[in-house]
Every structure is written in structure tokens, then in C-alpha cells.
């Protein structure tokens, strides 16, 4: 087997940090479209992940509720199909204290569903999320909360 076949090129995240933590995990639950709770393999500790470069509508805001709930349901479907979930937490700054990355109770991370696909990237690709907060404001959804073809 050729080296390229054993180690597929993973296009996401686009800029890979030099340092980080990567481990197999178990997906516990999806809080919303951009927050997932996981447990690292062989551990009972539950971590809340804030998906990097993945901005979904907020399910708690009246104007975004339908789209936010649809994004959550899509994330649940993707997580249910995950073959080998693993988490990558990049350390690009604050190497001496990685807990400075934590926002609210969430750790910014990339959640790999298998060797080639991330939940972060799949949410953006399907139109349920955007890569930036500014782009998220421009997302269009129909009345059922499904992404519009205009995205």
C-alpha cells in the first residue's frame, strides 16, 4: 500500500497548527450545531467542544431558532454515523497554559468523524454553518430551517 493511501490528506483545518492534542473519543451528545460533548477514550470525564471555524445559528434566539434546531439535528445525524471519532485540540498560543483556550465551558477543537471528514467541515459544506461569525450572519435558511441554495 502506498504511503498516500495509508495517510490520506485531510483538507481541514486549512491552516494546521504546529502543536495540539489528538485522541480517539466517544461522542456523548450534541448540544447545538457547533457544540458537542465528548469523552476521551478510556476516560469518564466529559468535555464540551466548541467546533473551530463552525458558526451555526443560535437555537436560543427567536429569529434563528428554527435554523439552529435544524443545524443541531443535522449534527446529531452526522455524529450517529461517525465511524472512528477523534478530537484534535490545537495549541497555537498559550502553550504554557492550554486552558486559556477554553471559552465558557467549551474547548475549541476539530472533531473528526473518520479519517477524512470533520464535523466542522461537514456542517459548513452542507450549509448549516459558516467558517466565520460574519459569514454566519449571511447564511440563508427556508422556513423549516434547512439551508437555502443561495448559501
N, C-alpha and C. Protein backbone atom coordinates (compact mmCIF):
# COMPACT_ATOMS: atom_id res chain seq x y z
N UNK A 1 0.85 -1.18 0.00
CA UNK A 1 0.00 0.00 0.00
C UNK A 1 0.89 1.24 0.00
N UNK A 2 0.61 2.15 -0.87
CA UNK A 2 1.39 3.37 -0.98
C UNK A 2 1.18 4.26 0.25
N UNK A 3 2.17 5.06 0.56
CA UNK A 3 2.10 5.94 1.72
C UNK A 3 0.89 6.87 1.64
N UNK A 4 0.61 7.40 0.46
CA UNK A 4 -0.51 8.33 0.29
C UNK A 4 -1.84 7.66 0.61
N UNK A 5 -1.97 6.36 0.37
CA UNK A 5 -3.20 5.66 0.66
C UNK A 5 -3.37 5.41 2.16
N UNK A 6 -2.26 5.17 2.85
CA UNK A 6 -2.32 4.93 4.29
C UNK A 6 -2.56 6.21 5.07
N UNK A 7 -2.04 7.32 4.58
CA UNK A 7 -2.15 8.60 5.28
C UNK A 7 -2.84 9.60 4.37
N UNK A 8 -4.18 9.57 4.35
CA UNK A 8 -4.90 10.46 3.44
C UNK A 8 -4.69 11.93 3.80
N UNK A 9 -4.75 12.77 2.80
CA UNK A 9 -4.65 14.20 3.01
C UNK A 9 -5.98 14.68 3.58
N UNK A 10 -5.93 15.33 4.71
CA UNK A 10 -7.14 15.85 5.33
C UNK A 10 -7.16 17.35 5.10
N UNK A 11 -8.12 17.83 4.30
CA UNK A 11 -8.12 19.23 3.91
C UNK A 11 -8.56 20.20 4.99
N UNK A 12 -8.96 19.71 6.15
CA UNK A 12 -9.48 20.59 7.18
C UNK A 12 -8.82 20.26 8.50
N UNK A 13 -8.38 21.16 9.29
CA UNK A 13 -8.42 22.60 9.10
C UNK A 13 -7.42 23.06 8.06
N UNK A 14 -7.70 24.19 7.44
CA UNK A 14 -6.86 24.67 6.34
C UNK A 14 -5.45 25.01 6.80
N UNK A 15 -5.34 25.69 7.93
CA UNK A 15 -4.03 26.01 8.49
C UNK A 15 -3.81 25.13 9.70
N UNK A 16 -2.96 24.18 9.57
CA UNK A 16 -2.72 23.27 10.68
C UNK A 16 -1.75 23.87 11.68
N UNK A 17 -2.11 23.87 12.96
CA UNK A 17 -1.19 24.38 13.96
C UNK A 17 -0.05 23.40 14.19
N UNK A 18 1.05 23.91 14.72
CA UNK A 18 2.21 23.07 14.95
C UNK A 18 2.01 22.12 16.12
N UNK A 19 1.25 22.54 17.10
CA UNK A 19 1.08 21.75 18.30
C UNK A 19 -0.39 21.48 18.55
N UNK A 20 -0.66 20.36 19.19
CA UNK A 20 -2.04 20.06 19.53
C UNK A 20 -2.15 18.72 20.21
N UNK A 21 -3.34 18.42 20.62
CA UNK A 21 -3.66 17.17 21.30
C UNK A 21 -4.66 16.43 20.45
N UNK A 22 -4.40 15.18 20.15
CA UNK A 22 -5.30 14.37 19.34
C UNK A 22 -5.55 13.05 20.06
N UNK A 23 -6.81 12.64 20.13
CA UNK A 23 -7.13 11.38 20.81
C UNK A 23 -8.43 10.82 20.28
N UNK A 24 -8.58 9.50 20.29
CA UNK A 24 -9.87 8.91 19.96
C UNK A 24 -10.88 9.30 21.04
N UNK A 25 -12.13 9.40 20.65
CA UNK A 25 -13.14 9.83 21.62
C UNK A 25 -14.47 9.12 21.37
N UNK A 26 -15.38 9.35 22.27
CA UNK A 26 -16.75 8.85 22.16
C UNK A 26 -17.66 10.07 22.22
N UNK A 27 -18.58 10.18 21.29
CA UNK A 27 -19.49 11.32 21.27
C UNK A 27 -20.63 11.04 22.24
N UNK A 28 -20.79 11.93 23.22
CA UNK A 28 -21.82 11.77 24.25
C UNK A 28 -23.14 12.37 23.78
N UNK A 29 -23.11 13.67 23.41
CA UNK A 29 -24.33 14.32 22.92
C UNK A 29 -23.98 15.59 22.16
N UNK A 30 -24.93 16.04 21.37
CA UNK A 30 -24.79 17.29 20.63
C UNK A 30 -25.63 18.34 21.35
N UNK A 31 -24.97 19.40 21.81
CA UNK A 31 -25.71 20.49 22.49
C UNK A 31 -26.42 21.37 21.47
N UNK A 32 -25.68 21.79 20.46
CA UNK A 32 -26.24 22.54 19.36
C UNK A 32 -25.35 22.33 18.15
N UNK A 33 -25.57 23.07 17.08
CA UNK A 33 -24.84 22.82 15.84
C UNK A 33 -23.34 22.97 15.92
N UNK A 34 -22.84 23.75 16.89
CA UNK A 34 -21.39 23.95 16.97
C UNK A 34 -20.80 23.57 18.33
N UNK A 35 -21.54 22.85 19.14
CA UNK A 35 -21.04 22.39 20.44
C UNK A 35 -21.41 20.92 20.64
N UNK A 36 -20.39 20.12 20.92
CA UNK A 36 -20.57 18.68 21.09
C UNK A 36 -19.88 18.25 22.38
N UNK A 37 -20.50 17.34 23.11
CA UNK A 37 -19.87 16.78 24.31
C UNK A 37 -19.27 15.43 23.95
N UNK A 38 -18.01 15.25 24.38
CA UNK A 38 -17.30 14.00 24.08
C UNK A 38 -16.62 13.49 25.35
N UNK A 39 -16.23 12.24 25.28
CA UNK A 39 -15.41 11.64 26.32
C UNK A 39 -14.19 11.04 25.63
N UNK A 40 -13.01 11.37 26.13
CA UNK A 40 -11.78 10.80 25.58
C UNK A 40 -11.79 9.31 25.89
N UNK A 41 -11.29 8.52 24.96
CA UNK A 41 -11.26 7.06 25.14
C UNK A 41 -10.61 6.70 26.48
N UNK A 42 -11.16 5.73 27.15
CA UNK A 42 -10.68 5.24 28.44
C UNK A 42 -10.86 6.25 29.57
N UNK A 43 -11.77 7.20 29.43
CA UNK A 43 -11.98 8.21 30.45
C UNK A 43 -13.47 8.40 30.69
N UNK A 44 -13.82 8.81 31.90
CA UNK A 44 -15.21 9.11 32.22
C UNK A 44 -15.47 10.62 32.20
N UNK A 45 -14.43 11.41 32.05
CA UNK A 45 -14.55 12.87 32.02
C UNK A 45 -15.24 13.30 30.73
N UNK A 46 -16.20 14.20 30.83
CA UNK A 46 -16.92 14.69 29.65
C UNK A 46 -16.45 16.11 29.34
N UNK A 47 -16.07 16.32 28.07
CA UNK A 47 -15.59 17.61 27.61
C UNK A 47 -16.60 18.19 26.62
N UNK A 48 -16.84 19.48 26.73
CA UNK A 48 -17.67 20.17 25.75
C UNK A 48 -16.73 20.80 24.72
N UNK A 49 -16.95 20.51 23.45
CA UNK A 49 -16.12 21.05 22.38
C UNK A 49 -16.85 22.17 21.66
N UNK A 50 -16.15 23.25 21.40
CA UNK A 50 -16.64 24.32 20.53
C UNK A 50 -15.97 24.08 19.19
N UNK A 51 -16.72 23.71 18.18
CA UNK A 51 -16.15 23.36 16.88
C UNK A 51 -15.51 24.59 16.24
N UNK A 52 -14.23 24.47 15.92
CA UNK A 52 -13.49 25.56 15.29
C UNK A 52 -13.99 25.84 13.88
N UNK A 53 -14.02 27.10 13.49
CA UNK A 53 -14.43 27.51 12.15
C UNK A 53 -15.79 26.95 11.77
N UNK A 54 -16.69 26.91 12.73
CA UNK A 54 -18.04 26.38 12.51
C UNK A 54 -19.02 27.23 13.31
N UNK A 55 -19.68 28.14 12.62
CA UNK A 55 -20.62 29.06 13.27
C UNK A 55 -22.03 28.75 12.78
N UNK A 56 -22.87 28.23 13.67
CA UNK A 56 -24.24 27.90 13.31
C UNK A 56 -25.19 28.91 13.95
N UNK A 57 -26.42 29.00 13.44
CA UNK A 57 -27.42 29.88 14.08
C UNK A 57 -27.68 29.42 15.51
N UNK A 58 -27.99 30.36 16.38
CA UNK A 58 -28.26 30.05 17.78
C UNK A 58 -29.68 29.56 17.96
N UNK A 59 -29.85 28.42 18.61
CA UNK A 59 -31.19 27.87 18.79
C UNK A 59 -31.96 28.59 19.89
N UNK A 60 -31.28 29.45 20.66
CA UNK A 60 -31.94 30.18 21.75
C UNK A 60 -32.46 31.55 21.33
N UNK A 61 -32.09 32.02 20.14
CA UNK A 61 -32.58 33.30 19.65
C UNK A 61 -33.85 33.07 18.83
N UNK A 62 -34.86 33.89 19.08
CA UNK A 62 -36.15 33.70 18.41
C UNK A 62 -36.02 33.76 16.89
N UNK A 63 -35.17 34.65 16.39
CA UNK A 63 -35.04 34.81 14.93
C UNK A 63 -34.26 33.68 14.28
N UNK A 64 -33.49 32.94 15.06
CA UNK A 64 -32.64 31.88 14.50
C UNK A 64 -33.02 30.49 14.99
N UNK A 65 -34.07 30.38 15.79
CA UNK A 65 -34.40 29.12 16.46
C UNK A 65 -34.59 27.95 15.51
N UNK A 66 -35.39 28.12 14.46
CA UNK A 66 -35.67 27.03 13.54
C UNK A 66 -34.40 26.54 12.86
N UNK A 67 -33.58 27.48 12.38
CA UNK A 67 -32.33 27.11 11.72
C UNK A 67 -31.36 26.50 12.71
N UNK A 68 -31.32 27.01 13.94
CA UNK A 68 -30.45 26.46 14.97
C UNK A 68 -30.80 25.03 15.33
N UNK A 69 -32.10 24.75 15.45
CA UNK A 69 -32.55 23.38 15.75
C UNK A 69 -32.29 22.44 14.57
N UNK A 70 -32.44 22.93 13.34
CA UNK A 70 -32.15 22.11 12.17
C UNK A 70 -30.65 21.78 12.11
N UNK A 71 -29.81 22.75 12.44
CA UNK A 71 -28.36 22.51 12.46
C UNK A 71 -28.01 21.48 13.52
N UNK A 72 -28.65 21.56 14.68
CA UNK A 72 -28.42 20.57 15.73
C UNK A 72 -28.82 19.17 15.26
N UNK A 73 -29.98 19.05 14.61
CA UNK A 73 -30.44 17.74 14.13
C UNK A 73 -29.48 17.17 13.08
N UNK A 74 -28.95 18.03 12.21
CA UNK A 74 -28.00 17.57 11.20
C UNK A 74 -26.71 17.10 11.87
N UNK A 75 -26.25 17.81 12.88
CA UNK A 75 -25.05 17.40 13.62
C UNK A 75 -25.28 16.06 14.31
N UNK A 76 -26.47 15.86 14.86
CA UNK A 76 -26.80 14.58 15.50
C UNK A 76 -26.73 13.44 14.48
N UNK A 77 -27.28 13.67 13.28
CA UNK A 77 -27.23 12.64 12.23
C UNK A 77 -25.80 12.30 11.85
N UNK A 78 -24.95 13.33 11.69
CA UNK A 78 -23.55 13.09 11.32
C UNK A 78 -22.82 12.34 12.43
N UNK A 79 -23.05 12.72 13.68
CA UNK A 79 -22.37 12.07 14.80
C UNK A 79 -22.81 10.61 14.95
N UNK A 80 -24.07 10.32 14.64
CA UNK A 80 -24.56 8.95 14.73
C UNK A 80 -23.87 8.04 13.71
N UNK A 81 -23.42 8.61 12.59
CA UNK A 81 -22.75 7.84 11.55
C UNK A 81 -21.23 7.80 11.72
N UNK A 82 -20.70 8.47 12.74
CA UNK A 82 -19.25 8.54 12.93
C UNK A 82 -18.66 7.14 13.11
N UNK A 83 -17.64 6.82 12.32
CA UNK A 83 -17.01 5.50 12.38
C UNK A 83 -15.90 5.44 13.41
N UNK A 84 -14.99 6.40 13.34
CA UNK A 84 -13.86 6.44 14.28
C UNK A 84 -13.68 7.87 14.78
N UNK A 85 -14.55 8.34 15.67
CA UNK A 85 -14.42 9.73 16.10
C UNK A 85 -13.13 9.98 16.87
N UNK A 86 -12.54 11.12 16.60
CA UNK A 86 -11.37 11.57 17.35
C UNK A 86 -11.40 13.08 17.43
N UNK A 87 -10.72 13.60 18.42
CA UNK A 87 -10.72 15.03 18.66
C UNK A 87 -9.31 15.57 18.50
N UNK A 88 -9.21 16.76 17.90
CA UNK A 88 -7.93 17.46 17.79
C UNK A 88 -8.10 18.84 18.41
N UNK A 89 -7.33 19.11 19.47
CA UNK A 89 -7.35 20.41 20.13
C UNK A 89 -6.03 21.09 19.81
N UNK A 90 -6.05 22.14 18.98
CA UNK A 90 -4.81 22.81 18.61
C UNK A 90 -4.31 23.73 19.73
N UNK A 91 -3.00 23.78 19.86
CA UNK A 91 -2.36 24.72 20.79
C UNK A 91 -1.53 25.67 19.95
N UNK A 92 -2.09 26.77 19.55
CA UNK A 92 -1.35 27.72 18.72
C UNK A 92 -0.78 28.87 19.55
N UNK A 93 -1.43 29.16 20.66
CA UNK A 93 -0.94 30.19 21.57
C UNK A 93 -1.05 29.63 22.98
N UNK A 94 -0.48 30.31 23.92
CA UNK A 94 -0.58 29.95 25.33
C UNK A 94 -0.14 28.50 25.57
N UNK A 95 0.98 28.11 24.99
CA UNK A 95 1.45 26.73 25.15
C UNK A 95 1.69 26.38 26.61
N UNK A 96 2.05 27.35 27.41
CA UNK A 96 2.30 27.08 28.82
C UNK A 96 1.01 26.79 29.58
N UNK A 97 -0.12 27.36 29.11
CA UNK A 97 -1.40 27.16 29.77
C UNK A 97 -2.50 26.96 28.73
N UNK A 98 -2.66 25.72 28.24
CA UNK A 98 -3.67 25.48 27.21
C UNK A 98 -5.10 25.74 27.65
N UNK A 99 -5.37 25.82 28.95
CA UNK A 99 -6.73 26.07 29.42
C UNK A 99 -7.18 27.50 29.12
N UNK A 100 -6.27 28.37 28.68
CA UNK A 100 -6.66 29.72 28.27
C UNK A 100 -7.50 29.68 27.00
N UNK A 101 -7.52 28.55 26.33
CA UNK A 101 -8.34 28.39 25.12
C UNK A 101 -9.81 28.22 25.45
N UNK A 102 -10.13 27.78 26.64
CA UNK A 102 -11.50 27.43 27.00
C UNK A 102 -12.40 28.67 26.95
N UNK A 103 -13.51 28.56 26.21
CA UNK A 103 -14.50 29.63 26.15
C UNK A 103 -15.77 29.12 26.82
N UNK A 104 -16.22 29.85 27.83
CA UNK A 104 -17.29 29.39 28.70
C UNK A 104 -16.84 28.04 29.25
N UNK A 105 -17.52 26.97 28.98
CA UNK A 105 -17.05 25.66 29.44
C UNK A 105 -16.59 24.80 28.27
N UNK A 106 -16.33 25.43 27.11
CA UNK A 106 -16.05 24.67 25.89
C UNK A 106 -14.59 24.81 25.46
N UNK A 107 -14.05 23.72 24.95
CA UNK A 107 -12.69 23.69 24.43
C UNK A 107 -12.76 23.78 22.91
N UNK A 108 -12.12 24.76 22.29
CA UNK A 108 -12.12 24.84 20.82
C UNK A 108 -11.39 23.63 20.22
N UNK A 109 -12.03 22.97 19.26
CA UNK A 109 -11.45 21.75 18.73
C UNK A 109 -12.01 21.42 17.35
N UNK A 110 -11.36 20.44 16.73
CA UNK A 110 -11.83 19.85 15.48
C UNK A 110 -12.26 18.42 15.82
N UNK A 111 -13.47 18.04 15.44
CA UNK A 111 -13.97 16.70 15.70
C UNK A 111 -13.96 15.91 14.41
N UNK A 112 -13.08 14.91 14.34
CA UNK A 112 -13.01 14.03 13.16
C UNK A 112 -14.04 12.92 13.32
N UNK A 113 -14.86 12.74 12.29
CA UNK A 113 -15.85 11.67 12.29
C UNK A 113 -15.24 10.35 11.83
N UNK A 114 -14.26 10.45 10.96
CA UNK A 114 -13.49 9.31 10.46
C UNK A 114 -12.14 9.86 10.01
N UNK A 115 -11.41 9.10 9.21
CA UNK A 115 -10.08 9.52 8.79
C UNK A 115 -10.07 10.74 7.87
N UNK A 116 -11.16 11.03 7.21
CA UNK A 116 -11.17 12.09 6.20
C UNK A 116 -12.16 13.24 6.45
N UNK A 117 -13.14 13.03 7.31
CA UNK A 117 -14.21 14.01 7.46
C UNK A 117 -14.27 14.56 8.88
N UNK A 118 -14.47 15.87 8.97
CA UNK A 118 -14.66 16.51 10.27
C UNK A 118 -16.10 16.97 10.39
N UNK A 119 -16.60 17.00 11.60
CA UNK A 119 -17.94 17.54 11.82
C UNK A 119 -17.93 19.03 11.46
N UNK A 120 -16.84 19.71 11.81
CA UNK A 120 -16.70 21.13 11.50
C UNK A 120 -16.89 21.37 9.99
N UNK A 121 -16.14 20.67 9.19
CA UNK A 121 -16.16 20.84 7.74
C UNK A 121 -17.47 20.41 7.11
N UNK A 122 -18.05 19.32 7.61
CA UNK A 122 -19.31 18.82 7.03
C UNK A 122 -20.47 19.77 7.32
N UNK A 123 -20.47 20.40 8.47
CA UNK A 123 -21.53 21.38 8.79
C UNK A 123 -21.44 22.58 7.85
N UNK A 124 -20.22 23.03 7.58
CA UNK A 124 -20.03 24.17 6.68
C UNK A 124 -20.38 23.75 5.25
N UNK A 125 -19.91 22.58 4.83
CA UNK A 125 -20.14 22.11 3.46
C UNK A 125 -21.64 21.98 3.16
N UNK A 126 -22.41 21.52 4.15
CA UNK A 126 -23.84 21.32 3.95
C UNK A 126 -24.64 22.63 4.04
N UNK A 127 -24.00 23.70 4.47
CA UNK A 127 -24.68 24.99 4.54
C UNK A 127 -25.35 25.30 5.86
N UNK A 128 -25.19 24.43 6.86
CA UNK A 128 -25.77 24.68 8.18
C UNK A 128 -24.91 25.61 9.02
N UNK A 129 -23.67 25.82 8.60
CA UNK A 129 -22.74 26.66 9.35
C UNK A 129 -21.86 27.43 8.39
N UNK A 130 -21.17 28.43 8.93
CA UNK A 130 -20.20 29.21 8.17
C UNK A 130 -18.86 29.16 8.90
N UNK A 131 -17.79 29.49 8.20
CA UNK A 131 -16.46 29.43 8.80
C UNK A 131 -16.15 30.62 9.70
N UNK A 132 -16.89 31.73 9.56
CA UNK A 132 -16.66 32.90 10.39
C UNK A 132 -17.99 33.43 10.92
N UNK A 133 -17.91 34.20 11.99
CA UNK A 133 -19.11 34.81 12.58
C UNK A 133 -19.79 35.75 11.58
N UNK A 134 -18.99 36.51 10.83
CA UNK A 134 -19.55 37.44 9.85
C UNK A 134 -20.29 36.69 8.74
N UNK A 135 -19.69 35.60 8.26
CA UNK A 135 -20.33 34.81 7.19
C UNK A 135 -21.59 34.11 7.72
N UNK A 136 -21.61 33.78 9.00
CA UNK A 136 -22.77 33.12 9.59
C UNK A 136 -24.00 34.02 9.52
N UNK A 137 -23.79 35.32 9.65
CA UNK A 137 -24.90 36.27 9.58
C UNK A 137 -25.53 36.31 8.19
N UNK A 138 -24.76 35.90 7.17
CA UNK A 138 -25.26 35.93 5.79
C UNK A 138 -25.89 34.61 5.34
N UNK A 139 -25.87 33.58 6.20
CA UNK A 139 -26.48 32.30 5.83
C UNK A 139 -27.97 32.48 5.62
N UNK A 140 -28.52 31.76 4.65
CA UNK A 140 -29.95 31.82 4.34
C UNK A 140 -30.58 30.45 4.59
N UNK A 141 -31.76 30.47 5.21
CA UNK A 141 -32.48 29.24 5.52
C UNK A 141 -33.94 29.39 5.11
N UNK A 142 -34.58 28.25 4.79
CA UNK A 142 -36.00 28.30 4.48
C UNK A 142 -36.81 28.27 5.78
N UNK A 143 -38.14 28.20 5.67
CA UNK A 143 -38.98 28.23 6.87
C UNK A 143 -38.79 27.02 7.78
N UNK A 144 -38.33 25.91 7.22
CA UNK A 144 -38.09 24.71 8.02
C UNK A 144 -36.70 24.71 8.67
N UNK A 145 -35.92 25.72 8.37
CA UNK A 145 -34.58 25.81 8.93
C UNK A 145 -33.52 25.12 8.09
N UNK A 146 -33.90 24.65 6.90
CA UNK A 146 -32.93 23.98 6.02
C UNK A 146 -32.15 25.03 5.23
N UNK A 147 -30.88 24.75 4.93
CA UNK A 147 -30.07 25.72 4.20
C UNK A 147 -30.64 26.02 2.83
N UNK A 148 -30.61 27.29 2.46
CA UNK A 148 -31.06 27.72 1.15
C UNK A 148 -29.97 27.42 0.12
N UNK A 149 -30.37 27.25 -1.10
CA UNK A 149 -29.39 27.01 -2.16
C UNK A 149 -28.52 28.23 -2.43
N UNK A 150 -28.92 29.38 -1.91
CA UNK A 150 -28.17 30.62 -2.10
C UNK A 150 -26.86 30.64 -1.30
N UNK A 151 -26.71 29.72 -0.32
CA UNK A 151 -25.51 29.73 0.53
C UNK A 151 -24.33 29.39 -0.28
